Amino acid sequence: MVLTRSPVVTEALRAAVRAPSPHNSQPWIFELGPDTVDVVLDESRILDACDPDAREARLACGAALLNLRLAIAAAGRVSEVELAPERARPSLLARVTLGPRHRPTAAERRLAAAIPRRYSNRHPFTDEPVPLRLRTAVREAAREEGARLVLVDEAGLLEATAGLIRRADHVQGLDTAFQRELRAWTRQTAEDDGVPTYAGGPRSAGGLLAGRYVNEGGAPRVFEQDPLVAVLTTPNDAPISQVRAGCAMQRVLLTATDAGLSASFYSQPVEITAIRAELRDLLGGTVHPQTVFRLGYGYPGVKTPRRPIEEVARDRDTGERP
């Protein structure tokens, strides 16, 4: 295949698979043509318990799409993106077409360089406050992709949001199907997907938020008492908006990484329909919350593994692996 011999596309695919996904399920397939990369939702990797409508999977594919765009731009090529290019095939989320030469901007270079450094840091952060300039930068990153980032402390909603996170975590703790699925994606040893136990955080000995992936082998630790919690929202909740939300989520996370910040997800309240509705009402009732995460200055953590690109890429016409 022509594209797999292109270093631009190879590196773009390596960047794409570094996107975050629920339970590190990596729900994407990349179909390659002579001058295109299609981003396809891998329906076999949709999580039945925590993501039955595939909303979080589409966010993950949107994040992979942004990584593709940035890597192609940083390599000096234009990329043209068409969302939902074939109405009869809803799993085909986006088509990226390579264009002519392009002089990458400094911002494109910085964000592309942040892709391999970004990971979810599930450990306590320091109590150093995130300065106003970085708060502004992450909000602007979301706006660039058509989303809005709400920093709930600025809206006086931190306690209420944290309460929804804790309640959703409690509900999922009692849900046998969810717990079975969580265990199935928790790895005792390093594999190509799932969350290895060594990437989990410690048990909380205090703090507002409830963690999901816990490494039971360590001692409990106190988490920050005044966390910076962000909620990414979109004006509507159509599948194409969820893909755009994934692009916005990833631009926020890469902007944070470039600025020296860490992030970790608190997806519990957007995975339970009734609690997601409560969160929407808390935010004014006119926007749709897509994901929740905290930002701050973290100590070094560890990355989760990814499947090799040979497992997630295939020829669009033949279906053959590269």
Protein backbone atom coordinates (compact mmCIF):
# COMPACT_ATOMS: atom_id res chain seq x y z
CA MET A 1 0.00 0.00 0.00
CA VAL A 2 1.30 3.41 -0.93
CA LEU A 3 0.45 5.16 2.30
CA THR A 4 2.14 2.70 4.63
CA ARG A 5 5.40 3.49 2.87
CA SER A 6 4.93 7.17 3.67
CA PRO A 7 6.76 8.28 6.81
CA VAL A 8 4.24 11.10 7.21
CA VAL A 9 1.32 8.68 7.45
CA THR A 10 3.21 6.15 9.55
CA GLU A 11 4.09 8.78 12.14
CA ALA A 12 0.56 10.19 12.00
CA LEU A 13 -0.83 6.74 12.82
CA ARG A 14 1.64 6.36 15.67
CA ALA A 15 0.36 9.68 17.00
CA ALA A 16 -3.30 8.75 16.49
CA VAL A 17 -3.13 5.63 18.66
CA ARG A 18 -1.80 7.66 21.59
CA ALA A 19 -5.28 9.15 22.07
CA PRO A 20 -7.09 8.39 25.33
CA SER A 21 -10.07 6.04 25.40
CA PRO A 22 -12.37 4.54 28.05
CA HIS A 23 -10.61 1.66 29.82
CA ASN A 24 -7.86 2.14 27.18
CA SER A 25 -10.12 0.15 24.85
CA GLN A 26 -8.75 1.92 21.73
CA PRO A 27 -12.00 1.74 19.72
CA TRP A 28 -10.59 2.79 16.34
CA ILE A 29 -9.63 1.42 12.97
CA PHE A 30 -7.74 3.40 10.34
CA GLU A 31 -8.54 2.53 6.74
CA LEU A 32 -5.88 3.65 4.29
CA GLY A 33 -6.29 4.77 0.71
CA PRO A 34 -3.87 6.31 -1.80
CA ASP A 35 -4.14 9.77 -0.23
CA THR A 36 -6.59 9.33 2.66
CA VAL A 37 -6.92 7.96 6.17
CA ASP A 38 -10.42 7.03 7.31
CA VAL A 39 -11.16 7.00 11.04
CA VAL A 40 -13.63 4.17 11.72
CA LEU A 41 -15.35 3.31 14.99
CA ASP A 42 -14.43 -0.25 15.94
CA GLU A 43 -17.84 -1.43 17.13
CA SER A 44 -16.33 -4.61 18.61
CA ARG A 45 -14.62 -2.42 21.23
CA ILE A 46 -17.63 -0.47 22.44
CA LEU A 47 -18.00 -0.96 26.20
CA ASP A 48 -21.46 -2.34 26.92
CA ALA A 49 -21.64 -1.34 30.59
CA CYS A 50 -20.10 2.13 30.77
CA ASP A 51 -20.58 3.30 27.16
CA PRO A 52 -23.53 1.47 25.57
CA ASP A 53 -24.33 4.30 23.13
CA ALA A 54 -20.66 4.56 22.06
CA ARG A 55 -20.48 8.25 23.00
CA GLU A 56 -17.13 7.93 24.78
CA ALA A 57 -15.83 5.73 21.95
CA ARG A 58 -16.62 8.53 19.49
CA LEU A 59 -14.82 10.99 21.75
CA ALA A 60 -11.80 8.69 21.68
CA CYS A 61 -11.90 8.52 17.88
CA GLY A 62 -12.18 12.31 17.78
CA ALA A 63 -9.07 12.56 19.94
CA ALA A 64 -7.26 10.20 17.55
CA LEU A 65 -8.44 12.38 14.66
CA LEU A 66 -6.92 15.49 16.23
CA ASN A 67 -3.63 13.64 16.74
CA LEU A 68 -3.67 12.67 13.06
CA ARG A 69 -4.27 16.26 12.02
CA LEU A 70 -1.51 17.64 14.22
CA ALA A 71 1.06 15.03 13.22
CA ILE A 72 0.37 15.60 9.52
CA ALA A 73 0.61 19.38 9.97
CA ALA A 74 3.85 19.11 11.96
CA ALA A 75 5.28 16.95 9.18
CA GLY A 76 4.63 19.75 6.71
CA ARG A 77 1.46 18.64 4.94
CA VAL A 78 -2.07 20.01 4.77
CA SER A 79 -4.89 17.73 5.93
CA GLU A 80 -8.50 18.19 4.86
CA VAL A 81 -11.06 16.60 7.18
CA GLU A 82 -14.60 15.54 6.32
CA LEU A 83 -16.74 14.31 9.18
CA ALA A 84 -19.29 11.54 8.55
CA PRO A 85 -18.39 11.32 4.84
CA GLU A 86 -20.76 8.43 4.04
CA ARG A 87 -24.26 8.68 5.47
CA ALA A 88 -24.95 4.99 4.86
CA ARG A 89 -21.96 4.02 7.03
CA PRO A 90 -22.26 5.69 10.45
CA SER A 91 -19.18 3.91 11.82
CA LEU A 92 -17.05 5.89 9.35
CA LEU A 93 -16.52 8.96 11.50
CA ALA A 94 -14.04 11.01 9.47
CA ARG A 95 -11.94 11.04 6.34
CA VAL A 96 -8.57 12.79 6.35
CA THR A 97 -7.17 13.66 2.94
CA LEU A 98 -3.53 14.62 2.57
CA GLY A 99 -2.98 17.89 0.76
CA PRO A 100 -0.04 19.95 -0.43
CA ARG A 101 3.00 21.12 1.45
CA HIS A 102 2.42 23.21 4.55
CA ARG A 103 4.62 25.25 6.85
CA PRO A 104 3.65 24.15 10.37
CA THR A 105 2.96 26.83 12.93
CA ALA A 106 4.78 26.95 16.24
CA ALA A 107 1.56 25.89 17.98
CA GLU A 108 1.17 22.86 15.70
CA ARG A 109 4.73 21.80 16.42
CA ARG A 110 4.30 22.19 20.19
CA LEU A 111 1.04 20.27 20.34
CA ALA A 112 2.33 17.49 18.08
CA ALA A 113 5.40 17.19 20.31
CA ALA A 114 3.10 16.86 23.33
CA ILE A 115 1.27 13.81 21.91
CA PRO A 116 3.77 11.15 23.08
CA ARG A 117 4.16 12.91 26.46
CA ARG A 118 0.45 13.02 27.31
CA TYR A 119 -0.98 10.36 29.60
CA SER A 120 -3.60 10.12 32.34
CA ASN A 121 -1.99 10.80 35.70
CA ARG A 122 -4.10 9.07 38.35
CA HIS A 123 -1.91 10.08 41.29
CA PRO A 124 -2.43 13.06 43.61
CA PHE A 125 -1.45 16.44 42.24
CA THR A 126 0.33 19.15 44.18
CA ASP A 127 -1.62 21.99 45.74
CA GLU A 128 0.04 24.56 43.46
CA PRO A 129 -2.78 26.51 41.78
CA VAL A 130 -3.08 26.58 38.00
CA PRO A 131 -2.46 30.20 36.96
CA LEU A 132 -4.97 32.31 35.09
CA ARG A 133 -2.99 32.27 31.83
CA LEU A 134 -3.16 28.46 31.65
CA ARG A 135 -6.82 28.40 32.60
CA THR A 136 -7.40 30.78 29.70
CA ALA A 137 -5.27 28.64 27.38
CA VAL A 138 -7.21 25.42 28.00
CA ARG A 139 -10.55 27.19 27.60
CA GLU A 140 -9.39 28.66 24.30
CA ALA A 141 -8.20 25.22 23.16
CA ALA A 142 -11.74 23.87 23.58
CA ARG A 143 -13.22 26.86 21.73
CA GLU A 144 -10.92 26.25 18.76
CA GLU A 145 -12.72 22.93 18.22
CA GLY A 146 -16.24 24.25 18.78
CA ALA A 147 -16.64 23.14 22.40
CA ARG A 148 -16.68 24.86 25.76
CA LEU A 149 -14.58 24.04 28.81
CA VAL A 150 -16.22 24.89 32.12
CA LEU A 151 -13.83 25.21 35.07
CA VAL A 152 -16.35 24.46 37.77
CA ASP A 153 -14.59 26.24 40.61
CA GLU A 154 -14.96 29.53 38.71
CA ALA A 155 -18.70 28.90 38.47
CA GLY A 156 -19.00 28.02 42.16
CA LEU A 157 -19.88 24.43 41.24
CA LEU A 158 -16.91 22.44 42.53
CA GLU A 159 -18.61 20.89 45.56
CA ALA A 160 -21.75 20.03 43.59
CA THR A 161 -19.76 18.51 40.70
CA ALA A 162 -17.57 16.53 43.07
CA GLY A 163 -20.73 15.25 44.75
CA LEU A 164 -22.03 13.96 41.41
CA ILE A 165 -18.68 12.26 40.73
CA ARG A 166 -18.75 10.52 44.11
CA ARG A 167 -22.38 9.47 43.73
CA ALA A 168 -21.83 8.11 40.22
CA ASP A 169 -18.76 6.24 41.43
CA HIS A 170 -20.84 4.68 44.21
CA VAL A 171 -23.56 3.63 41.75
CA GLN A 172 -21.00 2.02 39.45
CA GLY A 173 -19.41 0.30 42.43
CA LEU A 174 -22.72 -1.50 43.01
CA ASP A 175 -23.25 -2.32 39.33
CA THR A 176 -22.08 -5.90 38.78
CA ALA A 177 -21.96 -5.54 34.98
CA PHE A 178 -19.85 -2.42 35.23
CA GLN A 179 -17.49 -4.00 37.75
CA ARG A 180 -17.14 -7.12 35.60
CA GLU A 181 -16.27 -4.96 32.59
CA LEU A 182 -13.81 -2.89 34.63
CA ARG A 183 -12.05 -6.04 35.83
CA ALA A 184 -11.92 -7.38 32.27
CA TRP A 185 -10.03 -4.27 31.12
CA THR A 186 -7.72 -4.09 34.14
CA ARG A 187 -4.44 -5.84 33.34
CA GLN A 188 -2.21 -7.50 35.89
CA THR A 189 0.66 -7.42 33.41
CA ALA A 190 1.42 -5.07 30.53
CA GLU A 191 -0.65 -5.82 27.43
CA ASP A 192 -1.46 -3.80 24.32
CA ASP A 193 -4.74 -2.46 25.70
CA GLY A 194 -6.59 -2.04 28.96
CA VAL A 195 -5.27 -0.30 32.07
CA PRO A 196 -2.38 -2.11 33.78
CA THR A 197 -2.45 -2.08 37.56
CA TYR A 198 0.86 -0.21 37.67
CA ALA A 199 -0.86 2.74 35.92
CA GLY A 200 -3.55 2.99 38.59
CA GLY A 201 -3.54 5.56 41.32
CA PRO A 202 -3.36 5.00 45.07
CA ARG A 203 -6.40 4.63 47.25
CA SER A 204 -7.61 8.01 48.43
CA ALA A 205 -7.04 8.94 52.07
CA GLY A 206 -8.89 12.20 51.61
CA GLY A 207 -9.98 14.61 48.92
CA LEU A 208 -13.10 15.61 47.03
CA LEU A 209 -12.91 13.14 44.14
CA ALA A 210 -13.31 9.40 43.73
CA GLY A 211 -10.75 7.58 41.58
CA ARG A 212 -11.56 4.64 39.32
CA TYR A 213 -8.33 2.73 38.62
CA VAL A 214 -6.79 1.96 41.99
CA ASN A 215 -3.49 0.20 42.59
CA GLU A 216 -4.30 -1.69 45.76
CA GLY A 217 -0.67 -2.52 46.41
CA GLY A 218 0.31 0.91 47.73
CA ALA A 219 -0.58 2.90 50.81
CA PRO A 220 -3.48 5.38 50.71
CA ARG A 221 -2.54 8.96 49.90
CA VAL A 222 -4.24 12.28 50.33
CA PHE A 223 -5.36 13.90 47.08
CA GLU A 224 -5.47 17.64 46.56
CA GLN A 225 -8.18 19.38 48.54
CA ASP A 226 -8.94 22.05 45.94
CA PRO A 227 -8.75 20.27 42.56
CA LEU A 228 -9.20 22.08 39.25
CA VAL A 229 -12.11 20.17 37.70
CA ALA A 230 -13.12 20.82 34.09
CA VAL A 231 -16.25 19.77 32.22
CA LEU A 232 -16.12 19.75 28.42
CA THR A 233 -19.48 20.59 26.85
CA THR A 234 -21.01 20.83 23.39
CA PRO A 235 -24.11 22.68 22.12
CA ASN A 236 -25.76 19.41 21.01
CA ASP A 237 -25.22 15.70 21.45
CA ALA A 238 -25.35 14.30 17.91
CA PRO A 239 -22.71 11.68 17.02
CA ILE A 240 -20.80 14.17 14.87
CA SER A 241 -20.74 16.58 17.84
CA GLN A 242 -19.25 13.82 19.97
CA VAL A 243 -16.42 13.40 17.45
CA ARG A 244 -15.82 17.16 17.54
CA ALA A 245 -15.88 16.99 21.33
CA GLY A 246 -13.13 14.37 21.18
CA CYS A 247 -11.02 16.73 19.07
CA ALA A 248 -11.63 19.50 21.61
CA MET A 249 -10.85 17.21 24.55
CA GLN A 250 -7.54 16.21 23.02
CA ARG A 251 -6.58 19.79 22.13
CA VAL A 252 -7.22 20.75 25.76
CA LEU A 253 -5.17 17.82 27.06
CA LEU A 254 -2.26 18.52 24.71
CA THR A 255 -2.35 22.23 25.57
CA ALA A 256 -2.19 21.25 29.23
CA THR A 257 0.66 18.81 28.61
CA ASP A 258 2.62 21.42 26.68
CA ALA A 259 2.22 23.78 29.65
CA GLY A 260 3.50 21.20 32.14
CA LEU A 261 0.12 20.21 33.56
CA SER A 262 -1.19 16.72 34.26
CA ALA A 263 -4.73 15.48 33.74
CA SER A 264 -6.90 12.52 34.66
CA PHE A 265 -10.49 11.65 33.84
CA TYR A 266 -13.53 11.42 36.11
CA SER A 267 -15.95 9.90 33.62
CA GLN A 268 -18.37 8.46 36.17
CA PRO A 269 -21.03 11.22 36.05
CA VAL A 270 -21.28 11.24 32.25
CA GLU A 271 -21.61 7.45 32.05
CA ILE A 272 -24.86 7.28 34.04
CA THR A 273 -27.77 8.80 32.15
CA ALA A 274 -29.62 10.25 35.13
CA ILE A 275 -26.50 11.76 36.71
CA ARG A 276 -25.35 13.17 33.39
CA ALA A 277 -28.74 14.90 33.18
CA GLU A 278 -28.15 16.33 36.67
CA LEU A 279 -24.73 17.59 35.60
CA ARG A 280 -26.31 19.20 32.53
CA ASP A 281 -28.86 20.95 34.74
CA LEU A 282 -26.08 22.08 37.07
CA LEU A 283 -24.37 23.73 34.09
CA GLY A 284 -27.51 25.61 33.07
CA GLY A 285 -29.43 23.01 31.06
CA THR A 286 -28.46 24.28 27.60
CA VAL A 287 -25.23 22.35 26.93
CA HIS A 288 -24.29 18.66 26.92
CA PRO A 289 -21.46 17.51 29.21
CA GLN A 290 -19.16 15.14 27.32
CA THR A 291 -16.33 14.43 29.73
CA VAL A 292 -14.99 15.47 33.12
CA PHE A 293 -11.35 15.66 34.15
CA ARG A 294 -9.03 17.39 36.59
CA LEU A 295 -5.98 19.43 35.74
CA GLY A 296 -3.00 20.31 37.90
CA TYR A 297 0.68 19.90 38.58
CA GLY A 298 1.37 16.20 38.99
CA TYR A 299 4.33 14.08 39.95
CA PRO A 300 5.67 11.80 37.19
CA GLY A 301 3.36 8.92 36.30
CA VAL A 302 3.33 6.11 33.76
CA LYS A 303 1.80 5.65 30.32
CA THR A 304 -0.64 2.96 29.32
CA PRO A 305 0.31 0.75 26.34
CA ARG A 306 -1.13 0.92 22.85
CA ARG A 307 -1.73 -1.64 20.12
CA PRO A 308 0.79 -1.45 17.25
CA ILE A 309 -0.43 0.37 14.17
CA GLU A 310 -0.29 -2.89 12.20
CA GLU A 311 -3.24 -4.11 14.30
CA VAL A 312 -5.43 -1.04 13.84
CA ALA A 313 -4.72 -0.08 10.18
CA ARG A 314 -5.99 -1.81 7.07
CA ASP A 315 -6.33 -1.19 3.36
CA ARG A 316 -9.66 0.49 2.63
CA ASP A 317 -10.33 -1.60 -0.50
CA THR A 318 -8.97 -5.01 0.44
CA GLY A 319 -9.21 -4.95 4.24
CA GLU A 320 -5.65 -6.30 4.45
CA ARG A 321 -3.33 -5.29 7.25
CA PRO A 322 -0.20 -3.36 6.28
